[in-house]
mmCIF file of all heavy atoms, coordinates in Angstrom:
data_MODEL
# 
_entry.id   MODEL 
# 
loop_
_atom_site.group_PDB 
_atom_site.id 
_atom_site.type_symbol 
_atom_site.label_atom_id 
_atom_site.label_alt_id 
_atom_site.label_comp_id 
_atom_site.label_asym_id 
_atom_site.label_entity_id 
_atom_site.label_seq_id 
_atom_site.pdbx_PDB_ins_code 
_atom_site.Cartn_x 
_atom_site.Cartn_y 
_atom_site.Cartn_z 
_atom_site.occupancy 
_atom_site.B_iso_or_equiv 
_atom_site.pdbx_formal_charge 
_atom_site.auth_seq_id 
_atom_site.auth_comp_id 
_atom_site.auth_asym_id 
_atom_site.auth_atom_id 
_atom_site.pdbx_PDB_model_num 
ATOM 1   N N   . MET A 1 1  ? -34.353 12.053 31.584 1.00 0.00 ? 1  MET A N   1 
ATOM 2   C CA  . MET A 1 1  ? -33.155 11.483 30.960 1.00 0.00 ? 1  MET A CA  1 
ATOM 3   C C   . MET A 1 1  ? -33.301 11.398 29.450 1.00 0.00 ? 1  MET A C   1 
ATOM 4   O O   . MET A 1 1  ? -32.364 11.717 28.705 1.00 0.00 ? 1  MET A O   1 
ATOM 5   C CB  . MET A 1 1  ? -32.876 10.101 31.553 1.00 0.00 ? 1  MET A CB  1 
ATOM 6   C CG  . MET A 1 1  ? -32.395 10.110 32.987 1.00 0.00 ? 1  MET A CG  1 
ATOM 7   S SD  . MET A 1 1  ? -32.207 8.440  33.653 1.00 0.00 ? 1  MET A SD  1 
ATOM 8   C CE  . MET A 1 1  ? -30.916 7.796  32.593 1.00 0.00 ? 1  MET A CE  1 
ATOM 9   N N   . GLU A 1 2  ? -34.469 10.973 28.974 1.00 0.00 ? 2  GLU A N   1 
ATOM 10  C CA  . GLU A 1 2  ? -34.690 10.853 27.532 1.00 0.00 ? 2  GLU A CA  1 
ATOM 11  C C   . GLU A 1 2  ? -34.640 12.210 26.844 1.00 0.00 ? 2  GLU A C   1 
ATOM 12  O O   . GLU A 1 2  ? -34.009 12.375 25.797 1.00 0.00 ? 2  GLU A O   1 
ATOM 13  C CB  . GLU A 1 2  ? -36.028 10.166 27.274 1.00 0.00 ? 2  GLU A CB  1 
ATOM 14  C CG  . GLU A 1 2  ? -36.061 8.693  27.656 1.00 0.00 ? 2  GLU A CG  1 
ATOM 15  C CD  . GLU A 1 2  ? -37.430 8.082  27.480 1.00 0.00 ? 2  GLU A CD  1 
ATOM 16  O OE1 . GLU A 1 2  ? -38.379 8.818  27.113 1.00 0.00 ? 2  GLU A OE1 1 
ATOM 17  O OE2 . GLU A 1 2  ? -37.571 6.863  27.703 1.00 0.00 ? 2  GLU A OE2 1 
ATOM 18  N N   . LEU A 1 3  ? -35.300 13.188 27.460 1.00 0.00 ? 3  LEU A N   1 
ATOM 19  C CA  . LEU A 1 3  ? -35.369 14.510 26.843 1.00 0.00 ? 3  LEU A CA  1 
ATOM 20  C C   . LEU A 1 3  ? -34.001 15.183 26.846 1.00 0.00 ? 3  LEU A C   1 
ATOM 21  O O   . LEU A 1 3  ? -33.567 15.753 25.827 1.00 0.00 ? 3  LEU A O   1 
ATOM 22  C CB  . LEU A 1 3  ? -36.394 15.372 27.586 1.00 0.00 ? 3  LEU A CB  1 
ATOM 23  C CG  . LEU A 1 3  ? -37.006 16.547 26.822 1.00 0.00 ? 3  LEU A CG  1 
ATOM 24  C CD1 . LEU A 1 3  ? -37.669 16.074 25.543 1.00 0.00 ? 3  LEU A CD1 1 
ATOM 25  C CD2 . LEU A 1 3  ? -38.016 17.274 27.704 1.00 0.00 ? 3  LEU A CD2 1 
ATOM 26  N N   . ALA A 1 4  ? -33.289 15.118 27.968 1.00 0.00 ? 4  ALA A N   1 
ATOM 27  C CA  . ALA A 1 4  ? -31.972 15.739 28.037 1.00 0.00 ? 4  ALA A CA  1 
ATOM 28  C C   . ALA A 1 4  ? -30.982 15.026 27.124 1.00 0.00 ? 4  ALA A C   1 
ATOM 29  O O   . ALA A 1 4  ? -30.117 15.670 26.509 1.00 0.00 ? 4  ALA A O   1 
ATOM 30  C CB  . ALA A 1 4  ? -31.467 15.721 29.477 1.00 0.00 ? 4  ALA A CB  1 
ATOM 31  N N   . GLY A 1 5  ? -31.106 13.704 27.024 1.00 0.00 ? 5  GLY A N   1 
ATOM 32  C CA  . GLY A 1 5  ? -30.213 12.964 26.136 1.00 0.00 ? 5  GLY A CA  1 
ATOM 33  C C   . GLY A 1 5  ? -30.384 13.372 24.688 1.00 0.00 ? 5  GLY A C   1 
ATOM 34  O O   . GLY A 1 5  ? -29.404 13.571 23.953 1.00 0.00 ? 5  GLY A O   1 
ATOM 35  N N   . GLU A 1 6  ? -31.650 13.501 24.252 1.00 0.00 ? 6  GLU A N   1 
ATOM 36  C CA  . GLU A 1 6  ? -31.888 13.918 22.872 1.00 0.00 ? 6  GLU A CA  1 
ATOM 37  C C   . GLU A 1 6  ? -31.451 15.365 22.658 1.00 0.00 ? 6  GLU A C   1 
ATOM 38  O O   . GLU A 1 6  ? -30.888 15.703 21.606 1.00 0.00 ? 6  GLU A O   1 
ATOM 39  C CB  . GLU A 1 6  ? -33.363 13.754 22.518 1.00 0.00 ? 6  GLU A CB  1 
ATOM 40  C CG  . GLU A 1 6  ? -33.650 14.132 21.082 1.00 0.00 ? 6  GLU A CG  1 
ATOM 41  C CD  . GLU A 1 6  ? -35.047 13.748 20.625 1.00 0.00 ? 6  GLU A CD  1 
ATOM 42  O OE1 . GLU A 1 6  ? -35.683 12.900 21.293 1.00 0.00 ? 6  GLU A OE1 1 
ATOM 43  O OE2 . GLU A 1 6  ? -35.503 14.285 19.590 1.00 0.00 ? 6  GLU A OE2 1 
ATOM 44  N N   . ALA A 1 7  ? -31.693 16.215 23.650 1.00 0.00 ? 7  ALA A N   1 
ATOM 45  C CA  . ALA A 1 7  ? -31.268 17.612 23.532 1.00 0.00 ? 7  ALA A CA  1 
ATOM 46  C C   . ALA A 1 7  ? -29.756 17.703 23.380 1.00 0.00 ? 7  ALA A C   1 
ATOM 47  O O   . ALA A 1 7  ? -29.246 18.473 22.553 1.00 0.00 ? 7  ALA A O   1 
ATOM 48  C CB  . ALA A 1 7  ? -31.715 18.397 24.762 1.00 0.00 ? 7  ALA A CB  1 
ATOM 49  N N   . ARG A 1 8  ? -29.043 16.913 24.173 1.00 0.00 ? 8  ARG A N   1 
ATOM 50  C CA  . ARG A 1 8  ? -27.585 16.931 24.100 1.00 0.00 ? 8  ARG A CA  1 
ATOM 51  C C   . ARG A 1 8  ? -27.101 16.553 22.692 1.00 0.00 ? 8  ARG A C   1 
ATOM 52  O O   . ARG A 1 8  ? -26.219 17.225 22.134 1.00 0.00 ? 8  ARG A O   1 
ATOM 53  C CB  . ARG A 1 8  ? -27.020 15.971 25.133 1.00 0.00 ? 8  ARG A CB  1 
ATOM 54  C CG  . ARG A 1 8  ? -25.505 15.916 25.178 1.00 0.00 ? 8  ARG A CG  1 
ATOM 55  C CD  . ARG A 1 8  ? -25.007 14.888 26.178 1.00 0.00 ? 8  ARG A CD  1 
ATOM 56  N NE  . ARG A 1 8  ? -23.549 14.864 26.157 1.00 0.00 ? 8  ARG A NE  1 
ATOM 57  C CZ  . ARG A 1 8  ? -22.776 15.647 26.892 1.00 0.00 ? 8  ARG A CZ  1 
ATOM 58  N NH1 . ARG A 1 8  ? -23.331 16.496 27.738 1.00 0.00 ? 8  ARG A NH1 1 
ATOM 59  N NH2 . ARG A 1 8  ? -21.461 15.577 26.812 1.00 0.00 ? 8  ARG A NH2 1 
ATOM 60  N N   . GLU A 1 9  ? -27.682 15.518 22.114 1.00 0.00 ? 9  GLU A N   1 
ATOM 61  C CA  . GLU A 1 9  ? -27.272 15.077 20.788 1.00 0.00 ? 9  GLU A CA  1 
ATOM 62  C C   . GLU A 1 9  ? -27.595 16.124 19.727 1.00 0.00 ? 9  GLU A C   1 
ATOM 63  O O   . GLU A 1 9  ? -26.765 16.409 18.845 1.00 0.00 ? 9  GLU A O   1 
ATOM 64  C CB  . GLU A 1 9  ? -27.972 13.759 20.448 1.00 0.00 ? 9  GLU A CB  1 
ATOM 65  C CG  . GLU A 1 9  ? -27.520 12.581 21.306 1.00 0.00 ? 9  GLU A CG  1 
ATOM 66  C CD  . GLU A 1 9  ? -28.302 11.325 20.997 1.00 0.00 ? 9  GLU A CD  1 
ATOM 67  O OE1 . GLU A 1 9  ? -29.151 11.357 20.075 1.00 0.00 ? 9  GLU A OE1 1 
ATOM 68  O OE2 . GLU A 1 9  ? -28.076 10.302 21.675 1.00 0.00 ? 9  GLU A OE2 1 
ATOM 69  N N   . ARG A 1 10 ? -28.781 16.694 19.822 1.00 0.00 ? 10 ARG A N   1 
ATOM 70  C CA  . ARG A 1 10 ? -29.189 17.650 18.787 1.00 0.00 ? 10 ARG A CA  1 
ATOM 71  C C   . ARG A 1 10 ? -28.404 18.944 18.871 1.00 0.00 ? 10 ARG A C   1 
ATOM 72  O O   . ARG A 1 10 ? -28.032 19.532 17.830 1.00 0.00 ? 10 ARG A O   1 
ATOM 73  C CB  . ARG A 1 10 ? -30.694 17.905 18.897 1.00 0.00 ? 10 ARG A CB  1 
ATOM 74  C CG  . ARG A 1 10 ? -31.514 16.673 18.526 1.00 0.00 ? 10 ARG A CG  1 
ATOM 75  C CD  . ARG A 1 10 ? -32.993 16.842 18.793 1.00 0.00 ? 10 ARG A CD  1 
ATOM 76  N NE  . ARG A 1 10 ? -33.610 17.821 17.926 1.00 0.00 ? 10 ARG A NE  1 
ATOM 77  C CZ  . ARG A 1 10 ? -34.920 18.013 17.826 1.00 0.00 ? 10 ARG A CZ  1 
ATOM 78  N NH1 . ARG A 1 10 ? -35.748 17.256 18.564 1.00 0.00 ? 10 ARG A NH1 1 
ATOM 79  N NH2 . ARG A 1 10 ? -35.419 18.918 17.031 1.00 0.00 ? 10 ARG A NH2 1 
ATOM 80  N N   . LEU A 1 11 ? -28.116 19.410 20.074 1.00 0.00 ? 11 LEU A N   1 
ATOM 81  C CA  . LEU A 1 11 ? -27.362 20.660 20.214 1.00 0.00 ? 11 LEU A CA  1 
ATOM 82  C C   . LEU A 1 11 ? -25.913 20.467 19.810 1.00 0.00 ? 11 LEU A C   1 
ATOM 83  O O   . LEU A 1 11 ? -25.311 21.333 19.162 1.00 0.00 ? 11 LEU A O   1 
ATOM 84  C CB  . LEU A 1 11 ? -27.447 21.162 21.660 1.00 0.00 ? 11 LEU A CB  1 
ATOM 85  C CG  . LEU A 1 11 ? -28.838 21.560 22.166 1.00 0.00 ? 11 LEU A CG  1 
ATOM 86  C CD1 . LEU A 1 11 ? -28.741 22.162 23.560 1.00 0.00 ? 11 LEU A CD1 1 
ATOM 87  C CD2 . LEU A 1 11 ? -29.515 22.548 21.218 1.00 0.00 ? 11 LEU A CD2 1 
ATOM 88  N N   . ALA A 1 12 ? -25.319 19.327 20.179 1.00 0.00 ? 12 ALA A N   1 
ATOM 89  C CA  . ALA A 1 12 ? -23.919 19.076 19.835 1.00 0.00 ? 12 ALA A CA  1 
ATOM 90  C C   . ALA A 1 12 ? -23.707 18.969 18.331 1.00 0.00 ? 12 ALA A C   1 
ATOM 91  O O   . ALA A 1 12 ? -22.582 19.175 17.842 1.00 0.00 ? 12 ALA A O   1 
ATOM 92  C CB  . ALA A 1 12 ? -23.440 17.804 20.530 1.00 0.00 ? 12 ALA A CB  1 
ATOM 93  N N   . ALA A 1 13 ? -24.757 18.669 17.598 1.00 0.00 ? 13 ALA A N   1 
ATOM 94  C CA  . ALA A 1 13 ? -24.650 18.543 16.143 1.00 0.00 ? 13 ALA A CA  1 
ATOM 95  C C   . ALA A 1 13 ? -24.656 19.893 15.433 1.00 0.00 ? 13 ALA A C   1 
ATOM 96  O O   . ALA A 1 13 ? -24.367 19.969 14.231 1.00 0.00 ? 13 ALA A O   1 
ATOM 97  C CB  . ALA A 1 13 ? -25.793 17.674 15.606 1.00 0.00 ? 13 ALA A CB  1 
ATOM 98  N N   . ILE A 1 14 ? -24.968 20.958 16.140 1.00 0.00 ? 14 ILE A N   1 
ATOM 99  C CA  . ILE A 1 14 ? -24.988 22.296 15.547 1.00 0.00 ? 14 ILE A CA  1 
ATOM 100 C C   . ILE A 1 14 ? -23.563 22.840 15.531 1.00 0.00 ? 14 ILE A C   1 
ATOM 101 O O   . ILE A 1 14 ? -22.887 22.859 16.563 1.00 0.00 ? 14 ILE A O   1 
ATOM 102 C CB  . ILE A 1 14 ? -25.908 23.239 16.344 1.00 0.00 ? 14 ILE A CB  1 
ATOM 103 C CG1 . ILE A 1 14 ? -27.354 22.697 16.338 1.00 0.00 ? 14 ILE A CG1 1 
ATOM 104 C CG2 . ILE A 1 14 ? -25.870 24.653 15.780 1.00 0.00 ? 14 ILE A CG2 1 
ATOM 105 C CD1 . ILE A 1 14 ? -28.295 23.486 17.234 1.00 0.00 ? 14 ILE A CD1 1 
ATOM 106 N N   . PRO A 1 15 ? -23.056 23.301 14.384 1.00 0.00 ? 15 PRO A N   1 
ATOM 107 C CA  . PRO A 1 15 ? -21.680 23.802 14.299 1.00 0.00 ? 15 PRO A CA  1 
ATOM 108 C C   . PRO A 1 15 ? -21.421 24.924 15.304 1.00 0.00 ? 15 PRO A C   1 
ATOM 109 O O   . PRO A 1 15 ? -22.222 25.853 15.434 1.00 0.00 ? 15 PRO A O   1 
ATOM 110 C CB  . PRO A 1 15 ? -21.578 24.313 12.859 1.00 0.00 ? 15 PRO A CB  1 
ATOM 111 C CG  . PRO A 1 15 ? -22.603 23.523 12.114 1.00 0.00 ? 15 PRO A CG  1 
ATOM 112 C CD  . PRO A 1 15 ? -23.734 23.312 13.086 1.00 0.00 ? 15 PRO A CD  1 
ATOM 113 N N   . GLY A 1 16 ? -20.302 24.809 16.034 1.00 0.00 ? 16 GLY A N   1 
ATOM 114 C CA  . GLY A 1 16 ? -19.902 25.841 16.976 1.00 0.00 ? 16 GLY A CA  1 
ATOM 115 C C   . GLY A 1 16 ? -20.444 25.672 18.374 1.00 0.00 ? 16 GLY A C   1 
ATOM 116 O O   . GLY A 1 16 ? -20.051 26.403 19.279 1.00 0.00 ? 16 GLY A O   1 
ATOM 117 N N   . VAL A 1 17 ? -21.340 24.708 18.595 1.00 0.00 ? 17 VAL A N   1 
ATOM 118 C CA  . VAL A 1 17 ? -21.936 24.507 19.921 1.00 0.00 ? 17 VAL A CA  1 
ATOM 119 C C   . VAL A 1 17 ? -21.128 23.479 20.708 1.00 0.00 ? 17 VAL A C   1 
ATOM 120 O O   . VAL A 1 17 ? -20.849 22.388 20.210 1.00 0.00 ? 17 VAL A O   1 
ATOM 121 C CB  . VAL A 1 17 ? -23.403 24.042 19.805 1.00 0.00 ? 17 VAL A CB  1 
ATOM 122 C CG1 . VAL A 1 17 ? -23.956 23.697 21.189 1.00 0.00 ? 17 VAL A CG1 1 
ATOM 123 C CG2 . VAL A 1 17 ? -24.247 25.124 19.152 1.00 0.00 ? 17 VAL A CG2 1 
ATOM 124 N N   . THR A 1 18 ? -20.749 23.848 21.918 1.00 0.00 ? 18 THR A N   1 
ATOM 125 C CA  . THR A 1 18 ? -20.068 22.938 22.844 1.00 0.00 ? 18 THR A CA  1 
ATOM 126 C C   . THR A 1 18 ? -21.010 22.642 24.000 1.00 0.00 ? 18 THR A C   1 
ATOM 127 O O   . THR A 1 18 ? -21.506 23.563 24.653 1.00 0.00 ? 18 THR A O   1 
ATOM 128 C CB  . THR A 1 18 ? -18.769 23.550 23.389 1.00 0.00 ? 18 THR A CB  1 
ATOM 129 O OG1 . THR A 1 18 ? -17.889 23.837 22.300 1.00 0.00 ? 18 THR A OG1 1 
ATOM 130 C CG2 . THR A 1 18 ? -18.084 22.596 24.363 1.00 0.00 ? 18 THR A CG2 1 
ATOM 131 N N   . VAL A 1 19 ? -21.262 21.359 24.235 1.00 0.00 ? 19 VAL A N   1 
ATOM 132 C CA  . VAL A 1 19 ? -22.161 20.927 25.305 1.00 0.00 ? 19 VAL A CA  1 
ATOM 133 C C   . VAL A 1 19 ? -21.324 20.395 26.462 1.00 0.00 ? 19 VAL A C   1 
ATOM 134 O O   . VAL A 1 19 ? -20.337 19.668 26.244 1.00 0.00 ? 19 VAL A O   1 
ATOM 135 C CB  . VAL A 1 19 ? -23.133 19.835 24.802 1.00 0.00 ? 19 VAL A CB  1 
ATOM 136 C CG1 . VAL A 1 19 ? -24.037 19.363 25.933 1.00 0.00 ? 19 VAL A CG1 1 
ATOM 137 C CG2 . VAL A 1 19 ? -23.967 20.371 23.644 1.00 0.00 ? 19 VAL A CG2 1 
ATOM 138 N N   . TYR A 1 20 ? -21.712 20.728 27.688 1.00 0.00 ? 20 TYR A N   1 
ATOM 139 C CA  . TYR A 1 20 ? -20.963 20.315 28.870 1.00 0.00 ? 20 TYR A CA  1 
ATOM 140 C C   . TYR A 1 20 ? -21.752 19.257 29.661 1.00 0.00 ? 20 TYR A C   1 
ATOM 141 O O   . TYR A 1 20 ? -22.946 19.104 29.478 1.00 0.00 ? 20 TYR A O   1 
ATOM 142 C CB  . TYR A 1 20 ? -20.687 21.533 29.767 1.00 0.00 ? 20 TYR A CB  1 
ATOM 143 C CG  . TYR A 1 20 ? -20.099 22.697 29.015 1.00 0.00 ? 20 TYR A CG  1 
ATOM 144 C CD1 . TYR A 1 20 ? -20.859 23.836 28.736 1.00 0.00 ? 20 TYR A CD1 1 
ATOM 145 C CD2 . TYR A 1 20 ? -18.783 22.654 28.557 1.00 0.00 ? 20 TYR A CD2 1 
ATOM 146 C CE1 . TYR A 1 20 ? -20.323 24.909 28.033 1.00 0.00 ? 20 TYR A CE1 1 
ATOM 147 C CE2 . TYR A 1 20 ? -18.236 23.719 27.842 1.00 0.00 ? 20 TYR A CE2 1 
ATOM 148 C CZ  . TYR A 1 20 ? -19.013 24.839 27.589 1.00 0.00 ? 20 TYR A CZ  1 
ATOM 149 O OH  . TYR A 1 20 ? -18.484 25.888 26.883 1.00 0.00 ? 20 TYR A OH  1 
ATOM 150 N N   . GLY A 1 21 ? -21.054 18.591 30.541 1.00 0.00 ? 21 GLY A N   1 
ATOM 151 C CA  . GLY A 1 21 ? -21.723 17.651 31.431 1.00 0.00 ? 21 GLY A CA  1 
ATOM 152 C C   . GLY A 1 21 ? -21.489 16.205 31.068 1.00 0.00 ? 21 GLY A C   1 
ATOM 153 O O   . GLY A 1 21 ? -20.744 15.880 30.128 1.00 0.00 ? 21 GLY A O   1 
ATOM 154 N N   . PRO A 1 22 ? -22.133 15.288 31.787 1.00 0.00 ? 22 PRO A N   1 
ATOM 155 C CA  . PRO A 1 22 ? -21.881 13.850 31.631 1.00 0.00 ? 22 PRO A CA  1 
ATOM 156 C C   . PRO A 1 22 ? -22.315 13.322 30.271 1.00 0.00 ? 22 PRO A C   1 
ATOM 157 O O   . PRO A 1 22 ? -23.341 13.724 29.726 1.00 0.00 ? 22 PRO A O   1 
ATOM 158 C CB  . PRO A 1 22 ? -22.736 13.219 32.747 1.00 0.00 ? 22 PRO A CB  1 
ATOM 159 C CG  . PRO A 1 22 ? -23.042 14.320 33.693 1.00 0.00 ? 22 PRO A CG  1 
ATOM 160 C CD  . PRO A 1 22 ? -23.085 15.562 32.882 1.00 0.00 ? 22 PRO A CD  1 
ATOM 161 N N   . THR A 1 23 ? -21.520 12.402 29.741 1.00 0.00 ? 23 THR A N   1 
ATOM 162 C CA  . THR A 1 23 ? -21.877 11.727 28.497 1.00 0.00 ? 23 THR A CA  1 
ATOM 163 C C   . THR A 1 23 ? -22.640 10.434 28.762 1.00 0.00 ? 23 THR A C   1 
ATOM 164 O O   . THR A 1 23 ? -23.340 9.933  27.887 1.00 0.00 ? 23 THR A O   1 
ATOM 165 C CB  . THR A 1 23 ? -20.604 11.407 27.685 1.00 0.00 ? 23 THR A CB  1 
ATOM 166 O OG1 . THR A 1 23 ? -19.695 10.659 28.509 1.00 0.00 ? 23 THR A OG1 1 
ATOM 167 C CG2 . THR A 1 23 ? -19.929 12.688 27.227 1.00 0.00 ? 23 THR A CG2 1 
ATOM 168 N N   . ILE A 1 24 ? -22.523 9.898  29.969 1.00 0.00 ? 24 ILE A N   1 
ATOM 169 C CA  . ILE A 1 24 ? -23.223 8.663  30.330 1.00 0.00 ? 24 ILE A CA  1 
ATOM 170 C C   . ILE A 1 24 ? -24.637 9.013  30.780 1.00 0.00 ? 24 ILE A C   1 
ATOM 171 O O   . ILE A 1 24 ? -24.821 9.788  31.731 1.00 0.00 ? 24 ILE A O   1 
ATOM 172 C CB  . ILE A 1 24 ? -22.481 7.915  31.454 1.00 0.00 ? 24 ILE A CB  1 
ATOM 173 C CG1 . ILE A 1 24 ? -21.061 7.569  31.008 1.00 0.00 ? 24 ILE A CG1 1 
ATOM 174 C CG2 . ILE A 1 24 ? -23.240 6.656  31.861 1.00 0.00 ? 24 ILE A CG2 1 
ATOM 175 C CD1 . ILE A 1 24 ? -20.199 6.988  32.095 1.00 0.00 ? 24 ILE A CD1 1 
# 
């Protein structure tokens, strides 16, 4: 959970990247 949560935040911050899946 910790690793995926950080990955989600870091990838979403890259211009043009759309991340899918739960936000909770």
